[in-house]
Amino acid sequence: QAFLEIETEKLTLRELLANLCNRFGKDFKNMLFYSKMGAENENVKILINGRHYRQLPGQMDNELKNGDEVCLFPPMAGG
């Protein structure tokens, strides 16, 4: 479990994810997005304040507010 706090004036979820991909590189980007289409990997759960981003009106273009919590849950395997 890792936490990262980002302070910014205006930022959409899409812009935040692009920022994180630039910061953490190709492996992080490949985990979040299908490289050929640029579409988000449906196996990665992205929550904003405990709600799946697809349940919010703006989805990826949802504007984040000060204090919003964005959680990324990559796919997990195990037994």
C-alpha atoms as a PDB file:
ATOM      1  CA  GLN A   1       0.000   0.000   0.000  1.00  0.00           C
ATOM      2  CA  ALA A   2       1.480   3.328  -1.058  1.00  0.00           C
ATOM      3  CA  PHE A   3       0.217   6.864  -0.730  1.00  0.00           C
ATOM      4  CA  LEU A   4       1.092   9.865  -2.865  1.00  0.00           C
ATOM      5  CA  GLU A   5      -0.229  13.338  -2.217  1.00  0.00           C
ATOM      6  CA  ILE A   6      -0.389  15.726  -5.160  1.00  0.00           C
ATOM      7  CA  GLU A   7      -1.238  19.392  -4.818  1.00  0.00           C
ATOM      8  CA  THR A   8      -2.528  21.185  -7.869  1.00  0.00           C
ATOM      9  CA  GLU A   9      -5.131  23.773  -8.773  1.00  0.00           C
ATOM     10  CA  LYS A  10      -7.303  22.033 -11.374  1.00  0.00           C
ATOM     11  CA  LEU A  11      -6.847  18.482 -12.525  1.00  0.00           C
ATOM     12  CA  THR A  12      -9.060  15.874 -14.136  1.00  0.00           C
ATOM     13  CA  LEU A  13      -8.698  12.169 -13.463  1.00  0.00           C
ATOM     14  CA  ARG A  14      -7.327  11.762 -17.003  1.00  0.00           C
ATOM     15  CA  GLU A  15      -4.681  14.446 -16.350  1.00  0.00           C
ATOM     16  CA  LEU A  16      -3.762  12.893 -12.999  1.00  0.00           C
ATOM     17  CA  LEU A  17      -3.235   9.479 -14.594  1.00  0.00           C
ATOM     18  CA  ALA A  18      -1.129  11.028 -17.381  1.00  0.00           C
ATOM     19  CA  ASN A  19       0.954  12.788 -14.715  1.00  0.00           C
ATOM     20  CA  LEU A  20       1.449   9.512 -12.836  1.00  0.00           C
ATOM     21  CA  CYS A  21       2.381   7.668 -16.055  1.00  0.00           C
ATOM     22  CA  ASN A  22       5.030  10.296 -16.783  1.00  0.00           C
ATOM     23  CA  ARG A  23       6.315  10.059 -13.230  1.00  0.00           C
ATOM     24  CA  PHE A  24       6.382   6.263 -12.877  1.00  0.00           C
ATOM     25  CA  GLY A  25       7.159   5.223 -16.446  1.00  0.00           C
ATOM     26  CA  LYS A  26       6.246   2.611 -19.004  1.00  0.00           C
ATOM     27  CA  ASP A  27       5.439  -0.287 -16.649  1.00  0.00           C
ATOM     28  CA  PHE A  28       2.972   1.839 -14.704  1.00  0.00           C
ATOM     29  CA  LYS A  29       1.371   3.078 -17.938  1.00  0.00           C
ATOM     30  CA  ASN A  30       1.110  -0.479 -19.280  1.00  0.00           C
ATOM     31  CA  MET A  31      -0.629  -1.547 -16.073  1.00  0.00           C
ATOM     32  CA  LEU A  32      -3.261   1.199 -16.421  1.00  0.00           C
ATOM     33  CA  PHE A  33      -3.819   1.242 -20.170  1.00  0.00           C
ATOM     34  CA  TYR A  34      -3.896  -1.151 -23.077  1.00  0.00           C
ATOM     35  CA  SER A  35      -0.920   0.083 -25.051  1.00  0.00           C
ATOM     36  CA  LYS A  36      -2.377  -0.450 -28.543  1.00  0.00           C
ATOM     37  CA  MET A  37      -5.653   1.418 -27.982  1.00  0.00           C
ATOM     38  CA  GLY A  38      -4.804   3.745 -25.109  1.00  0.00           C
ATOM     39  CA  ALA A  39      -7.988   2.561 -23.417  1.00  0.00           C
ATOM     40  CA  GLU A  40      -7.953   1.974 -19.703  1.00  0.00           C
ATOM     41  CA  ASN A  41      -7.412  -1.554 -18.456  1.00  0.00           C
ATOM     42  CA  GLU A  42     -10.781  -2.665 -17.087  1.00  0.00           C
ATOM     43  CA  ASN A  43      -9.025  -4.959 -14.604  1.00  0.00           C
ATOM     44  CA  VAL A  44      -7.593  -1.932 -12.796  1.00  0.00           C
ATOM     45  CA  LYS A  45     -10.140  -0.438 -10.405  1.00  0.00           C
ATOM     46  CA  ILE A  46      -9.984   3.341 -10.112  1.00  0.00           C
ATOM     47  CA  LEU A  47     -11.987   4.879  -7.285  1.00  0.00           C
ATOM     48  CA  ILE A  48     -12.564   8.536  -6.496  1.00  0.00           C
ATOM     49  CA  ASN A  49     -13.665   8.988  -2.907  1.00  0.00           C
ATOM     50  CA  GLY A  50     -14.731   5.355  -2.779  1.00  0.00           C
ATOM     51  CA  ARG A  51     -16.780   5.408  -6.008  1.00  0.00           C
ATOM     52  CA  HIS A  52     -15.738   3.795  -9.274  1.00  0.00           C
ATOM     53  CA  TYR A  53     -14.911   6.584 -11.713  1.00  0.00           C
ATOM     54  CA  ARG A  54     -17.367   5.198 -14.272  1.00  0.00           C
ATOM     55  CA  GLN A  55     -20.218   5.891 -11.835  1.00  0.00           C
ATOM     56  CA  LEU A  56     -19.375   9.602 -11.883  1.00  0.00           C
ATOM     57  CA  PRO A  57     -20.810  11.955 -14.518  1.00  0.00           C
ATOM     58  CA  GLY A  58     -17.449  13.036 -15.991  1.00  0.00           C
ATOM     59  CA  GLN A  59     -15.794   9.613 -15.756  1.00  0.00           C
ATOM     60  CA  MET A  60     -12.151  10.147 -16.871  1.00  0.00           C
ATOM     61  CA  ASP A  61     -12.810  13.878 -17.303  1.00  0.00           C
ATOM     62  CA  ASN A  62     -14.166  14.209 -13.755  1.00  0.00           C
ATOM     63  CA  GLU A  63     -12.517  17.265 -12.188  1.00  0.00           C
ATOM     64  CA  LEU A  64     -10.785  16.434  -8.942  1.00  0.00           C
ATOM     65  CA  LYS A  65     -11.226  18.726  -5.975  1.00  0.00           C
ATOM     66  CA  ASN A  66      -8.925  19.523  -3.082  1.00  0.00           C
ATOM     67  CA  GLY A  67      -9.041  16.605  -0.653  1.00  0.00           C
ATOM     68  CA  ASP A  68     -10.347  14.023  -3.157  1.00  0.00           C
ATOM     69  CA  GLU A  69      -8.901  10.562  -2.698  1.00  0.00           C
ATOM     70  CA  VAL A  70      -8.055   8.555  -5.808  1.00  0.00           C
ATOM     71  CA  CYS A  71      -7.305   4.867  -5.300  1.00  0.00           C
ATOM     72  CA  LEU A  72      -5.830   2.534  -7.909  1.00  0.00           C
ATOM     73  CA  PHE A  73      -6.252  -1.199  -7.479  1.00  0.00           C
ATOM     74  CA  PRO A  74      -4.213  -3.189 -10.022  1.00  0.00           C
ATOM     75  CA  PRO A  75      -5.251  -6.741 -10.892  1.00  0.00           C
ATOM     76  CA  MET A  76      -3.996  -9.296  -8.444  1.00  0.00           C
ATOM     77  CA  ALA A  77      -3.313 -12.985  -8.840  1.00  0.00           C
ATOM     78  CA  GLY A  78      -2.811 -15.529  -6.180  1.00  0.00           C
ATOM     79  CA  GLY A  79      -4.103 -18.644  -4.657  1.00  0.00           C
END
